[in-house]
Amino acid sequence: MVPTPIGNLLDITYRSINVLKKVDYIISENIRHTSILLKHFSIKNKLLTLNIFNEKKKKNKYIIMLNNGKNIAIVSNAGTPIINDPGYLLVKYAYDNNIRVVPLPGACAAITALSASGLKTNKFCYEGFLPKKKKLCEKKIHSLCNEIRTIILYESPKRLIYTIKLIKKIMGSKRKIVVAKELTKKWENIKKGTVEEILNIVENNIYWKKGEITILINGKKKNKNNIISSKILNIFNILKKEMKKSTAIKMTAKICDFNKNILYNNIVKKKYNEVD
């Protein structure tokens, strides 16, 4: 698994260049695109294709080659292979056939953007590209609304304004976000602010209508008022002995002036132990 630069060609590692020179074949998402990179570093090797259209068909052929002792490198158009790119099936089948998979470290837009975001980096979730259909896209952002980890998304420049407006509508105008454009390239630009501030920056600026974009969203802050105390649990456990669990949850929420849904979700999912 050989990462390639996401913009600046100098970001490729010596090890990656060495591997690309020595393997028997290089599997590429786009042969023409990869050829430009190989030519720049004077790498001459045989290129094979693997993309979303032929992966199912080609994987068996490549597994046979690997089983016959050939060494193959996988590259994507940019960044770490298989992250939002083809190749998953081939790696899965490689493990099924006891073929060694060797990951090389290197460029990844999601991690590069995260490191420079100024948002929390100890816990984060990567969601890739949002669904293209409007309803599915809204549903996805709704599902991330209460996520407490930093959220990483990829987005096309054509949908950037639409997506930021959707984040504003669902998560609020004050949520902190970061937009990172054309990372590692000479016109790299990273902006951080509230959703409202970022929307004002990109909405009427033609500069943001081109290039590859990563969006990072600050995780939702924990609300201390949503913490279920031992007192609330004790009341619930007393009531549940006299009535249905669902009724006990409603009564407990009313007595304690607590959010019924939070209480229900935590008890049903058994995040808290019930006292017998």
Protein backbone atom coordinates (compact mmCIF):
# COMPACT_ATOMS: atom_id res chain seq x y z
CA MET A 1 0.00 0.00 0.00
CA VAL A 2 1.94 3.03 -1.29
CA PRO A 3 0.69 6.56 -0.53
CA THR A 4 1.30 9.22 -3.16
CA PRO A 5 1.38 13.02 -2.73
CA ILE A 6 -1.94 14.83 -2.35
CA GLY A 7 -0.47 17.92 -3.98
CA ASN A 8 3.18 18.67 -3.37
CA LEU A 9 5.32 16.03 -5.11
CA LEU A 10 8.06 16.44 -2.49
CA ASP A 11 5.76 14.75 0.05
CA ILE A 12 6.43 11.29 -1.35
CA THR A 13 8.78 9.25 0.84
CA TYR A 14 12.10 7.67 -0.18
CA ARG A 15 10.64 4.31 0.80
CA SER A 16 7.64 4.79 -1.49
CA ILE A 17 9.89 5.62 -4.44
CA ASN A 18 12.09 2.62 -3.69
CA VAL A 19 9.11 0.24 -3.51
CA LEU A 20 7.56 1.58 -6.73
CA LYS A 21 10.87 0.92 -8.51
CA LYS A 22 11.33 -2.61 -7.16
CA VAL A 23 7.87 -4.25 -7.30
CA ASP A 24 6.86 -6.37 -10.28
CA TYR A 25 3.72 -4.36 -10.97
CA ILE A 26 1.99 -1.17 -9.84
CA ILE A 27 -1.80 -1.23 -9.57
CA SER A 28 -3.20 2.21 -10.30
CA GLU A 29 -6.62 3.82 -10.10
CA ASN A 30 -5.79 5.92 -13.16
CA ILE A 31 -2.82 4.87 -15.31
CA ARG A 32 -2.45 8.23 -17.06
CA HIS A 33 -2.46 10.11 -13.75
CA THR A 34 0.03 7.74 -12.12
CA SER A 35 2.31 7.83 -15.17
CA ILE A 36 2.91 11.55 -14.58
CA LEU A 37 4.10 10.83 -11.04
CA LEU A 38 6.32 7.93 -12.11
CA LYS A 39 7.89 9.97 -14.90
CA HIS A 40 8.71 12.79 -12.47
CA PHE A 41 10.69 10.38 -10.27
CA SER A 42 12.17 8.39 -13.19
CA ILE A 43 10.30 5.24 -12.21
CA LYS A 44 9.80 2.71 -14.98
CA ASN A 45 7.43 -0.11 -14.15
CA LYS A 46 4.42 -2.01 -15.47
CA LEU A 47 1.08 -0.40 -14.63
CA LEU A 48 -2.16 -2.31 -14.12
CA THR A 49 -5.61 -0.86 -13.47
CA LEU A 50 -7.94 -1.17 -10.51
CA ASN A 51 -10.95 1.11 -10.25
CA ILE A 52 -14.58 1.06 -9.12
CA PHE A 53 -15.64 -0.38 -12.47
CA ASN A 54 -13.27 -3.34 -12.70
CA GLU A 55 -12.29 -4.16 -9.10
CA LYS A 56 -14.57 -7.19 -8.75
CA LYS A 57 -13.39 -8.58 -12.07
CA LYS A 58 -9.67 -7.89 -11.64
CA LYS A 59 -9.18 -8.92 -7.99
CA ASN A 60 -8.98 -12.67 -8.76
CA LYS A 61 -6.39 -12.10 -11.48
CA TYR A 62 -4.20 -10.08 -9.11
CA ILE A 63 -4.57 -12.62 -6.30
CA ILE A 64 -3.29 -15.34 -8.66
CA MET A 65 -0.31 -13.14 -9.52
CA LEU A 66 0.44 -12.57 -5.83
CA ASN A 67 0.09 -16.28 -5.07
CA ASN A 68 2.61 -16.93 -7.84
CA GLY A 69 5.18 -14.84 -5.98
CA LYS A 70 4.78 -11.46 -7.66
CA ASN A 71 5.11 -8.27 -5.60
CA ILE A 72 2.49 -5.61 -6.33
CA ALA A 73 2.16 -2.01 -5.16
CA ILE A 74 -1.25 -0.32 -4.94
CA VAL A 75 -1.50 3.45 -5.45
CA SER A 76 -4.48 5.79 -5.70
CA ASN A 77 -4.62 9.07 -7.60
CA ALA A 78 -3.52 10.91 -4.47
CA GLY A 79 -2.94 10.10 -0.83
CA THR A 80 -3.16 6.81 1.01
CA PRO A 81 -4.66 3.97 -1.07
CA ILE A 82 -8.19 2.70 -0.37
CA ILE A 83 -9.20 5.71 1.77
CA ASN A 84 -12.29 6.63 -0.27
CA ASP A 85 -10.69 4.84 -3.22
CA PRO A 86 -10.83 1.35 -4.83
CA GLY A 87 -8.75 -1.53 -3.48
CA TYR A 88 -10.64 -2.75 -0.42
CA LEU A 89 -11.74 -6.00 -2.08
CA LEU A 90 -8.22 -6.82 -3.22
CA VAL A 91 -6.81 -6.30 0.28
CA LYS A 92 -9.63 -8.37 1.79
CA TYR A 93 -8.97 -11.23 -0.62
CA ALA A 94 -5.23 -10.96 0.02
CA TYR A 95 -5.84 -11.70 3.70
CA ASP A 96 -8.20 -14.53 2.78
CA ASN A 97 -5.33 -16.04 0.76
CA ASN A 98 -2.67 -15.49 3.44
CA ILE A 99 -0.89 -12.89 1.33
CA ARG A 100 1.10 -10.32 3.28
CA VAL A 101 -0.19 -6.73 3.09
CA VAL A 102 2.45 -4.06 3.83
CA PRO A 103 1.24 -0.51 4.59
CA LEU A 104 3.59 2.41 3.92
CA PRO A 105 3.00 5.68 5.79
CA GLY A 106 2.34 8.80 3.82
CA ALA A 107 0.00 11.58 2.79
CA CYS A 108 -3.70 11.58 3.70
CA ALA A 109 -5.82 14.72 3.31
CA ALA A 110 -8.05 13.90 6.28
CA ILE A 111 -5.16 13.55 8.75
CA THR A 112 -3.20 16.45 7.24
CA ALA A 113 -6.18 18.76 7.66
CA LEU A 114 -6.91 17.49 11.18
CA SER A 115 -3.35 18.20 12.34
CA ALA A 116 -3.68 21.84 11.33
CA SER A 117 -7.33 22.37 12.30
CA GLY A 118 -7.02 23.61 15.85
CA LEU A 119 -9.85 21.21 16.76
CA LYS A 120 -9.49 18.26 19.13
CA THR A 121 -7.38 15.50 17.62
CA ASN A 122 -7.45 12.83 20.34
CA LYS A 123 -10.84 11.56 19.15
CA PHE A 124 -12.23 11.99 15.66
CA CYS A 125 -14.40 10.25 13.07
CA TYR A 126 -13.88 10.19 9.31
CA GLU A 127 -17.06 10.18 7.21
CA GLY A 128 -15.65 10.71 3.71
CA PHE A 129 -18.02 12.23 1.15
CA LEU A 130 -21.61 12.97 2.14
CA PRO A 131 -24.41 11.32 0.11
CA LYS A 132 -25.25 13.14 -3.12
CA LYS A 133 -29.02 12.88 -2.70
CA LYS A 134 -30.45 15.77 -0.69
CA LYS A 135 -32.56 13.75 1.75
CA LEU A 136 -29.77 11.26 2.45
CA CYS A 137 -27.32 14.10 2.94
CA GLU A 138 -29.59 15.82 5.46
CA LYS A 139 -30.16 12.51 7.25
CA LYS A 140 -26.41 11.95 7.48
CA ILE A 141 -25.70 15.38 8.97
CA HIS A 142 -28.58 14.89 11.42
CA SER A 143 -26.98 11.61 12.52
CA LEU A 144 -23.71 13.48 13.21
CA CYS A 145 -25.35 16.36 15.07
CA ASN A 146 -24.66 14.92 18.55
CA GLU A 147 -21.25 13.43 17.69
CA ILE A 148 -18.78 14.59 20.36
CA ARG A 149 -15.68 13.72 18.30
CA THR A 150 -14.19 15.96 15.62
CA ILE A 151 -15.87 15.09 12.30
CA ILE A 152 -13.88 14.94 9.05
CA LEU A 153 -15.60 15.18 5.66
CA TYR A 154 -14.49 15.46 2.05
CA GLU A 155 -16.47 17.75 -0.25
CA SER A 156 -16.41 18.94 -3.83
CA PRO A 157 -16.19 22.71 -4.44
CA LYS A 158 -19.53 22.61 -6.28
CA ARG A 159 -21.31 21.41 -3.12
CA LEU A 160 -19.28 23.32 -0.53
CA ILE A 161 -21.71 26.20 0.03
CA TYR A 162 -24.72 23.86 0.02
CA THR A 163 -23.07 21.61 2.62
CA ILE A 164 -22.04 24.48 4.90
CA LYS A 165 -25.60 25.87 4.75
CA LEU A 166 -26.90 22.43 5.67
CA ILE A 167 -24.48 22.22 8.61
CA LYS A 168 -25.70 25.65 9.71
CA LYS A 169 -29.35 24.60 9.47
CA ILE A 170 -28.90 21.34 11.38
CA MET A 171 -25.99 22.00 13.76
CA GLY A 172 -26.38 25.74 14.24
CA SER A 173 -24.51 28.84 13.08
CA LYS A 174 -22.17 28.89 16.10
CA ARG A 175 -20.62 25.44 15.62
CA LYS A 176 -16.87 25.71 14.93
CA ILE A 177 -15.72 24.34 11.58
CA VAL A 178 -12.58 24.33 9.46
CA VAL A 179 -12.38 24.27 5.67
CA ALA A 180 -9.06 23.22 4.12
CA LYS A 181 -8.54 23.73 0.39
CA GLU A 182 -5.83 22.29 -1.87
CA LEU A 183 -3.67 20.97 0.98
CA THR A 184 0.11 20.91 0.41
CA LYS A 185 -0.19 22.90 -2.84
CA LYS A 186 1.15 26.44 -3.21
CA TRP A 187 -2.42 27.84 -3.09
CA GLU A 188 -3.29 25.89 0.08
CA ASN A 189 -5.80 27.71 2.29
CA ILE A 190 -7.16 26.77 5.72
CA LYS A 191 -9.92 28.77 7.39
CA LYS A 192 -11.35 28.26 10.88
CA GLY A 193 -14.39 29.90 12.46
CA THR A 194 -18.06 29.48 13.21
CA VAL A 195 -20.29 28.06 10.48
CA GLU A 196 -21.64 31.57 9.92
CA GLU A 197 -18.15 33.07 9.58
CA ILE A 198 -16.94 30.40 7.16
CA LEU A 199 -20.09 30.68 5.07
CA ASN A 200 -19.48 34.42 4.69
CA ILE A 201 -15.90 33.72 3.56
CA VAL A 202 -16.67 31.12 0.88
CA GLU A 203 -20.13 32.13 -0.33
CA ASN A 204 -19.12 34.99 -2.62
CA ASN A 205 -15.50 34.05 -3.28
CA ILE A 206 -14.79 32.35 -6.60
CA TYR A 207 -11.50 31.06 -5.15
CA TRP A 208 -13.42 28.44 -3.13
CA LYS A 209 -15.25 27.11 -6.19
CA LYS A 210 -12.26 25.07 -7.34
CA GLY A 211 -9.97 22.43 -5.84
CA GLU A 212 -10.18 19.61 -3.33
CA ILE A 213 -11.74 20.46 0.03
CA THR A 214 -11.74 18.91 3.48
CA ILE A 215 -14.31 20.03 6.09
CA LEU A 216 -13.78 19.49 9.81
CA ILE A 217 -16.59 20.03 12.30
CA ASN A 218 -16.06 20.53 16.01
CA GLY A 219 -17.71 17.81 18.07
CA LYS A 220 -20.73 18.73 20.14
CA LYS A 221 -19.84 19.77 23.66
CA LYS A 222 -21.12 17.51 26.41
CA ASN A 223 -24.03 18.99 28.30
CA LYS A 224 -23.53 18.46 32.01
CA ASN A 225 -27.29 18.63 32.41
CA ASN A 226 -27.52 15.40 30.42
CA ILE A 227 -25.57 13.35 32.97
CA ILE A 228 -27.74 10.74 34.67
CA SER A 229 -27.10 10.89 38.41
CA SER A 230 -27.37 8.01 40.88
CA LYS A 231 -30.43 9.75 42.36
CA ILE A 232 -32.25 9.61 39.02
CA LEU A 233 -31.31 5.96 38.57
CA ASN A 234 -32.51 5.08 42.07
CA ILE A 235 -35.89 6.71 41.44
CA PHE A 236 -36.21 4.83 38.15
CA ASN A 237 -35.35 1.49 39.76
CA ILE A 238 -37.97 2.01 42.47
CA LEU A 239 -40.66 2.91 39.94
CA LYS A 240 -39.90 0.09 37.52
CA LYS A 241 -40.84 -2.45 40.21
CA GLU A 242 -44.38 -1.04 40.20
CA MET A 243 -44.91 -0.39 36.50
CA LYS A 244 -43.65 -1.01 32.96
CA LYS A 245 -40.12 0.13 32.21
CA SER A 246 -41.30 2.66 29.60
CA THR A 247 -43.78 4.17 32.08
CA ALA A 248 -41.10 4.25 34.79
CA ILE A 249 -38.81 6.17 32.43
CA LYS A 250 -41.53 8.75 31.71
CA MET A 251 -42.35 9.17 35.41
CA THR A 252 -38.69 9.46 36.39
CA ALA A 253 -38.06 12.09 33.73
CA LYS A 254 -41.07 14.08 34.96
CA ILE A 255 -40.17 13.83 38.65
CA CYS A 256 -36.53 14.78 38.05
CA ASP A 257 -37.19 17.31 35.29
CA PHE A 258 -34.84 15.30 33.06
CA ASN A 259 -34.82 14.68 29.31
CA LYS A 260 -36.96 11.60 28.69
CA ASN A 261 -35.19 10.62 25.47
CA ILE A 262 -31.72 10.72 27.03
CA LEU A 263 -32.93 8.61 29.95
CA TYR A 264 -34.66 6.16 27.61
CA ASN A 265 -31.66 5.77 25.27
CA ASN A 266 -29.22 5.18 28.11
CA ILE A 267 -31.39 2.67 29.93
CA VAL A 268 -32.45 0.77 26.80
CA LYS A 269 -28.86 0.62 25.56
CA LYS A 270 -27.83 -0.41 29.09
CA LYS A 271 -25.12 2.20 29.43
CA TYR A 272 -26.00 2.34 33.09
CA ASN A 273 -26.50 -0.63 35.34
CA GLU A 274 -29.94 -0.93 36.85
CA VAL A 275 -30.15 -1.65 40.55
CA ASP A 276 -32.30 -4.65 41.45
